[in-house]
Amino acid sequence: MAPYKILMYSHDTYGLGHIRRCLAMALSLRKSPANILIITGSLLAGRFKSPMRIDFVRIPGMIKVTNEQYLPLSMKLEATEVLEIRKKIILATAMAFQPDFFIVDKAPLGLKRDVVDTLHWLKSDFPTCTSILGLRDIMDGAASTIEDWRGKGVYDAMDALYDEIWVYGCRSFYDPIKEYEIPPYIASKVHFTGYIPRKIPSPEDVRSIRKDLGIRDDEKLILVTTGGGGDGHPLINLFLAAFDPSRGGTPKGVRVAVVTGPFMPSNCCQDVVKESKSFGFITLKFHRYMEALIGAAQAVVSMGGYNTLCEIASQKKPSLIVPRIVPREEQLIRAQVLCSKGFCDYLEPAELTPEILHARVLNLLKNGSAYREKMASFPFTALEFMRKRIQQHMKGN
């Protein structure tokens, strides 16, 4: 059987979650079998291995300044010029590749509508392609999402331009059909896939990571990660304040690794590295094999982005979520949902004090078994669903 052709779009304007999610999906879907092209604005796409039948098409990157303002990441051009370049590259790629499936991750219209021309072309000139919108479990608070989608015409696009909508979550956890007032004629296209599992490192990989970091077998590791790190400085600062040696530091036999993320502003990153090293903490800006780093830890502190939580839950690691609430409430809502079901612990914004964080992290180290047992039932069904759905389409069902 000739491999199917799948084109994926990841707008990637902030952090690492989008490209890592798309790559996890691609690694699974290529077994369908499929050739997969991922269109991405991420500068870090080249740092990830490109396995057989998976490749990237880079479009000029843009960075989110506010919810509505995006600026070129590295090119000294007007934002409108860069958006026009992105539109043309996306459309040209689709026309040349002629995909069987076009999967748009998270952003129904792309970045500032940069994917809309391509969706229209597929509908009018290449209707054999199945267009799929993939949405994470939670987008934002209900009111702000509804306002945003109505103002931008997202509901119309879902109706006219997409054949299916995949929600990377469980309806019993959070129901976007209800919360975001998705009309019945669109809701009929929605499929809940369950969550996207991530690679589980081998014991040898985990031992190698711990050895590289200088962590003894009898030592426990707390991992602090903020994903891309663009907005992670407050969490890391809070953690450093909580475990400052003047407050008692970390218990004997406990080590800390802090991953700042590649997008943390350089001045903030320098401060974090300097202070972390003075505490004896390990500091990393980026790690290519984040799954193995998570595997090496006994507890993980994060902001609770979709990608990070899937990586943590895949390895059943006790975790504490310290979610951001600006510019979106998505992390807070996810933390509340998953904590209510016993999968993790989290801190409300009103609880963000060094003393409370210190106590909750140490409690996680001592009493993490309940979280590990609960995470054994985490609904990681997405990749199996996607493969079956693709195959059903190719068989004409």
Protein backbone atom coordinates (compact mmCIF):
# COMPACT_ATOMS: atom_id res chain seq x y z
CA MET A 1 0.00 0.00 0.00
CA ALA A 2 1.33 3.44 -0.92
CA PRO A 3 1.69 5.69 2.16
CA TYR A 4 -1.04 8.27 2.71
CA LYS A 5 -0.02 11.92 2.63
CA ILE A 6 -0.75 13.96 5.73
CA LEU A 7 -0.07 17.69 5.95
CA MET A 8 -0.06 19.18 9.45
CA TYR A 9 -0.09 22.84 10.45
CA SER A 10 1.31 24.11 13.75
CA HIS A 11 1.30 27.89 14.12
CA ASP A 12 3.87 27.88 16.96
CA THR A 13 4.01 31.42 18.19
CA TYR A 14 4.71 30.70 21.84
CA GLY A 15 6.41 27.83 23.62
CA LEU A 16 7.10 24.27 22.51
CA GLY A 17 3.78 22.53 23.10
CA HIS A 18 2.35 22.79 19.60
CA ILE A 19 5.32 21.38 17.73
CA ARG A 20 5.87 18.61 20.29
CA ARG A 21 2.20 17.61 20.10
CA CYS A 22 2.25 17.55 16.30
CA LEU A 23 5.45 15.50 16.31
CA ALA A 24 3.94 12.98 18.74
CA MET A 25 0.93 12.63 16.44
CA ALA A 26 3.12 12.32 13.36
CA LEU A 27 5.29 9.60 14.91
CA SER A 28 2.16 7.53 15.41
CA LEU A 29 0.32 8.34 12.18
CA ARG A 30 3.32 7.53 9.98
CA LYS A 31 2.69 3.87 10.90
CA SER A 32 -0.67 4.04 9.07
CA PRO A 33 1.47 4.17 6.80
CA ALA A 34 1.85 7.83 5.89
CA ASN A 35 4.28 10.46 4.66
CA ILE A 36 3.87 13.53 6.86
CA LEU A 37 4.86 17.16 6.35
CA ILE A 38 4.59 19.48 9.35
CA ILE A 39 4.29 23.18 8.55
CA THR A 40 5.59 25.10 11.55
CA GLY A 41 6.78 28.51 12.62
CA SER A 42 8.95 27.05 15.39
CA LEU A 43 12.62 27.96 15.28
CA LEU A 44 13.35 24.76 17.20
CA ALA A 45 11.86 22.32 14.70
CA GLY A 46 15.35 21.38 13.56
CA ARG A 47 16.39 20.34 17.05
CA PHE A 48 14.02 17.38 16.99
CA LYS A 49 14.90 14.23 15.09
CA SER A 50 13.06 13.81 11.79
CA PRO A 51 12.25 10.09 11.58
CA MET A 52 11.57 8.35 8.30
CA ARG A 53 8.52 9.71 6.43
CA ILE A 54 8.32 12.85 8.61
CA ASP A 55 9.71 16.24 7.62
CA PHE A 56 9.19 19.93 8.34
CA VAL A 57 8.38 23.00 6.26
CA ARG A 58 9.47 26.12 8.10
CA ILE A 59 7.45 29.30 7.72
CA PRO A 60 8.70 32.62 9.18
CA GLY A 61 8.17 32.66 12.92
CA MET A 62 6.04 35.17 14.78
CA ILE A 63 5.83 35.85 18.48
CA LYS A 64 2.70 36.66 20.45
CA VAL A 65 2.86 40.05 22.16
CA THR A 66 -0.79 40.11 23.25
CA ASN A 67 -3.75 37.87 22.45
CA GLU A 68 -4.27 39.84 19.23
CA GLN A 69 -0.83 41.24 18.37
CA TYR A 70 1.91 39.15 16.75
CA LEU A 71 5.28 40.39 15.55
CA PRO A 72 7.98 38.78 13.38
CA LEU A 73 10.24 36.62 15.50
CA SER A 74 13.50 37.31 13.65
CA MET A 75 12.81 38.99 10.30
CA LYS A 76 12.96 42.79 10.14
CA LEU A 77 9.74 43.12 8.17
CA GLU A 78 6.28 44.40 8.88
CA ALA A 79 3.94 41.86 10.46
CA THR A 80 1.65 42.07 7.42
CA GLU A 81 4.53 41.16 5.11
CA VAL A 82 5.50 38.12 7.17
CA LEU A 83 1.88 36.95 7.34
CA GLU A 84 1.62 37.19 3.56
CA ILE A 85 4.76 35.08 3.19
CA ARG A 86 3.34 32.50 5.58
CA LYS A 87 0.06 32.33 3.64
CA LYS A 88 1.81 31.77 0.34
CA ILE A 89 4.16 29.10 1.67
CA ILE A 90 1.31 27.19 3.31
CA LEU A 91 -0.80 27.26 0.16
CA ALA A 92 2.12 26.38 -2.12
CA THR A 93 3.02 23.45 0.12
CA ALA A 94 -0.53 22.10 0.02
CA MET A 95 -0.72 22.48 -3.76
CA ALA A 96 2.60 20.69 -4.28
CA PHE A 97 2.07 17.96 -1.67
CA GLN A 98 -1.61 17.29 -2.48
CA PRO A 99 -2.38 15.70 0.88
CA ASP A 100 -4.99 13.09 1.68
CA PHE A 101 -5.45 14.77 5.06
CA PHE A 102 -4.81 18.30 6.33
CA ILE A 103 -4.67 18.54 10.13
CA VAL A 104 -4.72 22.05 11.58
CA ASP A 105 -3.58 22.04 15.20
CA LYS A 106 -5.31 24.28 17.76
CA ALA A 107 -5.90 27.42 15.68
CA PRO A 108 -9.01 27.04 13.44
CA LEU A 109 -8.00 29.99 11.22
CA GLY A 110 -4.26 29.65 11.74
CA LEU A 111 -2.28 32.67 12.84
CA LYS A 112 -4.16 35.78 11.72
CA ARG A 113 -6.03 33.66 9.14
CA ASP A 114 -2.85 32.48 7.43
CA VAL A 115 -4.30 29.01 6.80
CA VAL A 116 -7.71 30.10 5.48
CA ASP A 117 -6.68 30.40 1.81
CA THR A 118 -5.36 26.86 1.91
CA LEU A 119 -8.56 25.52 3.48
CA HIS A 120 -10.62 27.21 0.77
CA TRP A 121 -8.36 25.83 -1.97
CA LEU A 122 -8.69 22.31 -0.61
CA LYS A 123 -12.48 22.59 -0.55
CA SER A 124 -12.78 24.01 -4.05
CA ASP A 125 -9.88 22.50 -5.99
CA PHE A 126 -8.81 19.40 -4.05
CA PRO A 127 -11.96 18.04 -2.34
CA THR A 128 -10.53 14.54 -1.91
CA CYS A 129 -8.49 15.89 1.00
CA THR A 130 -10.10 15.53 4.43
CA SER A 131 -9.60 18.71 6.50
CA ILE A 132 -9.37 18.09 10.25
CA LEU A 133 -9.25 20.65 13.06
CA GLY A 134 -7.45 19.39 16.17
CA LEU A 135 -8.28 21.16 19.44
CA ARG A 136 -6.65 20.60 22.81
CA ASP A 137 -8.93 19.60 25.69
CA ILE A 138 -9.41 23.19 26.91
CA MET A 139 -8.92 26.37 24.91
CA ASP A 140 -9.70 29.09 27.48
CA GLY A 141 -12.53 30.15 29.75
CA ALA A 142 -15.96 29.71 28.20
CA ALA A 143 -16.95 33.38 27.95
CA SER A 144 -13.69 34.55 26.37
CA THR A 145 -13.60 31.63 23.92
CA ILE A 146 -17.18 32.21 22.77
CA GLU A 147 -16.51 35.93 22.32
CA ASP A 148 -13.30 35.24 20.40
CA TRP A 149 -14.83 32.59 18.14
CA ARG A 150 -17.90 34.70 17.34
CA GLY A 151 -15.83 37.81 16.61
CA LYS A 152 -13.43 35.97 14.27
CA GLY A 153 -15.96 33.80 12.49
CA VAL A 154 -14.54 30.56 13.87
CA TYR A 155 -17.93 28.84 14.06
CA ASP A 156 -18.49 29.59 10.36
CA ALA A 157 -15.06 28.19 9.50
CA MET A 158 -15.71 25.03 11.49
CA ASP A 159 -18.92 24.57 9.54
CA ALA A 160 -17.69 25.38 6.04
CA LEU A 161 -14.00 24.45 5.97
CA TYR A 162 -13.55 21.38 8.17
CA ASP A 163 -14.78 17.84 7.67
CA GLU A 164 -13.99 16.76 11.22
CA ILE A 165 -12.99 18.23 14.57
CA TRP A 166 -10.82 16.18 16.91
CA VAL A 167 -10.71 17.20 20.58
CA TYR A 168 -7.60 15.87 22.31
CA GLY A 169 -9.40 15.13 25.55
CA CYS A 170 -12.40 13.48 27.20
CA ARG A 171 -15.91 14.87 27.16
CA SER A 172 -16.50 13.62 30.71
CA PHE A 173 -13.54 15.77 31.87
CA TYR A 174 -14.44 18.98 30.04
CA ASP A 175 -17.09 19.40 27.36
CA PRO A 176 -16.21 22.16 24.86
CA ILE A 177 -19.44 21.50 22.94
CA LYS A 178 -21.37 22.68 25.97
CA GLU A 179 -18.88 25.20 27.37
CA TYR A 180 -18.18 26.94 24.05
CA GLU A 181 -21.77 26.71 22.78
CA ILE A 182 -20.83 24.79 19.64
CA PRO A 183 -24.04 24.50 17.53
CA PRO A 184 -25.45 21.00 16.86
CA TYR A 185 -24.65 21.12 13.13
CA ILE A 186 -20.97 21.60 14.06
CA ALA A 187 -21.05 19.34 17.11
CA SER A 188 -21.91 16.42 14.83
CA LYS A 189 -18.35 16.71 13.43
CA VAL A 190 -16.69 16.55 16.86
CA HIS A 191 -14.82 13.43 17.97
CA PHE A 192 -13.24 13.16 21.42
CA THR A 193 -9.98 11.30 20.97
CA GLY A 194 -8.79 11.07 24.56
CA TYR A 195 -5.35 12.39 25.50
CA ILE A 196 -2.15 12.07 23.45
CA PRO A 197 0.39 9.75 25.14
CA ARG A 198 4.09 10.45 24.92
CA LYS A 199 7.19 8.35 24.55
CA ILE A 200 8.22 6.47 27.67
CA PRO A 201 12.02 6.38 27.98
CA SER A 202 13.82 3.13 28.64
CA PRO A 203 15.33 2.45 32.09
CA GLU A 204 18.74 2.76 30.43
CA ASP A 205 17.86 6.24 29.12
CA VAL A 206 16.70 7.33 32.56
CA ARG A 207 19.85 6.01 34.24
CA SER A 208 21.96 7.76 31.62
CA ILE A 209 20.22 11.09 32.23
CA ARG A 210 20.65 10.82 36.00
CA LYS A 211 24.31 9.95 35.54
CA ASP A 212 24.83 12.89 33.15
CA LEU A 213 23.22 15.22 35.70
CA GLY A 214 25.35 13.83 38.53
CA ILE A 215 22.41 12.43 40.51
CA ARG A 216 23.14 9.40 42.67
CA ASP A 217 20.84 6.38 42.78
CA ASP A 218 19.85 7.16 46.37
CA GLU A 219 18.93 10.78 45.59
CA LYS A 220 15.47 12.06 44.65
CA LEU A 221 15.03 14.62 41.89
CA ILE A 222 12.52 17.47 41.70
CA LEU A 223 12.12 18.74 38.14
CA VAL A 224 10.86 22.28 37.54
CA THR A 225 9.82 22.96 33.95
CA THR A 226 7.97 25.83 32.29
CA GLY A 227 7.77 24.48 28.74
CA GLY A 228 9.04 27.07 26.28
CA GLY A 229 9.72 29.43 29.17
CA GLY A 230 8.45 32.64 27.61
CA ASP A 231 6.16 33.21 30.60
CA GLY A 232 7.82 30.84 33.07
CA HIS A 233 9.91 33.32 35.05
CA PRO A 234 7.33 33.90 37.84
CA LEU A 235 7.01 30.17 38.61
CA ILE A 236 10.76 29.62 38.73
CA ASN A 237 11.25 32.71 40.90
CA LEU A 238 8.58 31.43 43.29
CA PHE A 239 10.25 28.02 43.46
CA LEU A 240 13.66 29.57 44.12
CA ALA A 241 12.16 31.67 46.91
CA ALA A 242 10.50 28.59 48.39
CA PHE A 243 13.71 26.55 48.46
CA ASP A 244 16.15 29.33 49.27
CA PRO A 245 18.77 27.98 51.70
CA SER A 246 17.81 30.78 54.10
CA ARG A 247 14.37 29.11 54.35
CA GLY A 248 15.84 25.66 54.85
CA GLY A 249 16.55 24.74 51.25
CA THR A 250 15.94 21.20 50.05
CA PRO A 251 15.99 18.16 52.34
CA LYS A 252 19.06 15.93 52.42
CA GLY A 253 19.14 13.56 49.48
CA VAL A 254 16.93 15.76 47.28
CA ARG A 255 18.25 17.41 44.13
CA VAL A 256 16.57 20.00 41.87
CA ALA A 257 16.76 20.48 38.11
CA VAL A 258 15.35 23.67 36.61
CA VAL A 259 14.58 23.83 32.88
CA THR A 260 14.08 27.49 32.00
CA GLY A 261 12.89 26.90 28.43
CA PRO A 262 14.53 28.37 25.31
CA PHE A 263 12.17 31.36 25.12
CA MET A 264 12.78 32.82 28.58
CA PRO A 265 14.09 36.38 28.15
CA SER A 266 17.88 36.35 28.38
CA ASN A 267 18.10 38.74 31.35
CA CYS A 268 15.61 36.64 33.33
CA CYS A 269 17.40 33.45 32.33
CA GLN A 270 20.76 34.78 33.52
CA ASP A 271 19.28 35.66 36.91
CA VAL A 272 17.69 32.22 37.24
CA VAL A 273 20.90 30.40 36.29
CA LYS A 274 22.99 32.46 38.70
CA GLU A 275 20.66 31.96 41.65
CA SER A 276 19.98 28.30 40.89
CA LYS A 277 23.68 27.48 40.75
CA SER A 278 24.24 29.25 44.08
CA PHE A 279 21.63 26.87 45.57
CA GLY A 280 23.30 23.83 44.00
CA PHE A 281 20.47 23.32 41.51
CA ILE A 282 20.99 21.94 38.03
CA THR A 283 19.95 24.40 35.30
CA LEU A 284 19.14 23.63 31.69
CA LYS A 285 17.79 25.91 28.98
CA PHE A 286 16.47 23.18 26.70
CA HIS A 287 16.55 19.40 26.65
CA ARG A 288 15.99 17.47 23.45
CA TYR A 289 14.80 14.37 25.29
CA MET A 290 12.43 15.89 27.84
CA GLU A 291 10.68 12.57 28.37
CA ALA A 292 13.85 11.03 29.81
CA LEU A 293 14.37 14.06 32.05
CA ILE A 294 10.83 13.64 33.41
CA GLY A 295 11.53 9.92 33.81
CA ALA A 296 14.55 10.75 35.97
CA ALA A 297 12.44 12.79 38.42
CA GLN A 298 10.41 11.71 41.45
CA ALA A 299 8.23 14.85 41.33
CA VAL A 300 7.56 17.49 38.68
CA VAL A 301 6.53 21.13 39.14
CA SER A 302 5.07 22.75 36.02
CA MET A 303 2.59 25.31 34.72
CA GLY A 304 0.29 22.58 33.42
CA GLY A 305 0.37 23.07 29.66
CA TYR A 306 -1.28 20.29 27.66
CA ASN A 307 1.96 18.92 26.30
CA THR A 308 3.81 18.86 29.61
CA LEU A 309 0.94 17.20 31.45
CA CYS A 310 0.68 14.47 28.83
CA GLU A 311 4.42 13.82 29.20
CA ILE A 312 4.12 13.70 32.99
CA ALA A 313 1.03 11.48 33.05
CA SER A 314 2.51 9.09 30.48
CA GLN A 315 5.17 8.24 33.06
CA LYS A 316 2.83 8.45 36.08
CA LYS A 317 4.94 11.08 37.79
CA PRO A 318 3.49 12.94 40.82
CA SER A 319 3.08 16.56 39.76
CA LEU A 320 2.22 19.96 41.15
CA ILE A 321 0.71 22.44 38.72
CA VAL A 322 1.20 26.17 39.22
CA PRO A 323 -0.92 27.51 36.34
CA ARG A 324 -0.78 30.91 34.72
CA ILE A 325 -4.08 32.77 34.34
CA VAL A 326 -2.95 35.42 31.81
CA PRO A 327 -3.44 35.72 28.87
CA ARG A 328 -5.63 32.58 29.05
CA GLU A 329 -7.20 30.56 31.86
CA GLU A 330 -6.69 27.26 30.03
CA GLN A 331 -3.96 25.99 32.40
CA LEU A 332 -5.97 26.87 35.50
CA ILE A 333 -9.10 25.12 34.24
CA ARG A 334 -7.13 22.01 33.25
CA ALA A 335 -5.43 21.93 36.64
CA GLN A 336 -8.79 22.17 38.41
CA VAL A 337 -10.29 19.42 36.26
CA LEU A 338 -7.41 16.97 36.62
CA CYS A 339 -6.91 17.68 40.33
CA SER A 340 -10.61 17.06 40.99
CA LYS A 341 -10.14 13.59 39.48
CA GLY A 342 -7.06 12.84 41.57
CA PHE A 343 -4.43 12.97 38.81
CA CYS A 344 -2.32 15.81 40.22
CA ASP A 345 -2.06 18.59 42.80
CA TYR A 346 -2.24 22.29 41.95
CA LEU A 347 -2.00 25.72 43.50
CA GLU A 348 -4.68 28.36 43.10
CA PRO A 349 -3.39 31.85 42.26
CA ALA A 350 -4.35 32.98 45.78
CA GLU A 351 -2.06 30.29 47.25
CA LEU A 352 1.11 31.40 45.51
CA THR A 353 3.43 31.89 48.46
CA PRO A 354 6.88 30.34 48.94
CA GLU A 355 5.75 28.67 52.17
CA ILE A 356 2.76 26.93 50.58
CA LEU A 357 4.74 25.89 47.50
CA HIS A 358 7.50 24.46 49.70
CA ALA A 359 5.06 22.39 51.73
CA ARG A 360 3.16 21.07 48.71
CA VAL A 361 6.30 20.01 46.85
CA LEU A 362 7.66 18.11 49.83
CA ASN A 363 4.27 16.49 50.36
CA LEU A 364 4.35 15.38 46.74
CA LEU A 365 7.72 13.71 47.29
CA LYS A 366 6.48 11.86 50.37
CA ASN A 367 2.98 10.94 49.24
CA GLY A 368 3.16 10.57 45.48
CA SER A 369 1.99 6.95 45.33
CA ALA A 370 -1.71 7.91 45.18
CA TYR A 371 -1.10 10.02 42.07
CA ARG A 372 0.93 7.26 40.43
CA GLU A 373 -1.85 4.75 41.02
CA LYS A 374 -4.53 7.11 39.72
CA MET A 375 -2.59 7.95 36.57
CA ALA A 376 -2.62 4.29 35.58
CA SER A 377 -6.19 4.97 34.39
CA PHE A 378 -5.41 8.18 32.49
CA PRO A 379 -7.32 8.05 29.16
CA PHE A 380 -4.46 7.92 26.65
CA THR A 381 -6.48 6.82 23.64
CA ALA A 382 -5.80 9.60 21.12
CA LEU A 383 -3.15 8.03 18.92
CA GLU A 384 -5.03 4.78 18.50
CA PHE A 385 -8.20 6.74 17.67
CA MET A 386 -6.39 8.87 15.08
CA ARG A 387 -4.80 5.92 13.30
CA LYS A 388 -8.12 4.09 13.10
CA ARG A 389 -9.94 7.20 11.91
CA ILE A 390 -7.41 7.82 9.14
CA GLN A 391 -7.68 4.21 8.00
CA GLN A 392 -11.48 4.37 8.02
CA HIS A 393 -11.40 7.40 5.75
CA MET A 394 -9.01 5.72 3.35
CA LYS A 395 -11.33 2.71 3.16
CA GLY A 396 -14.22 5.02 2.29
CA ASN A 397 -16.12 4.81 5.59
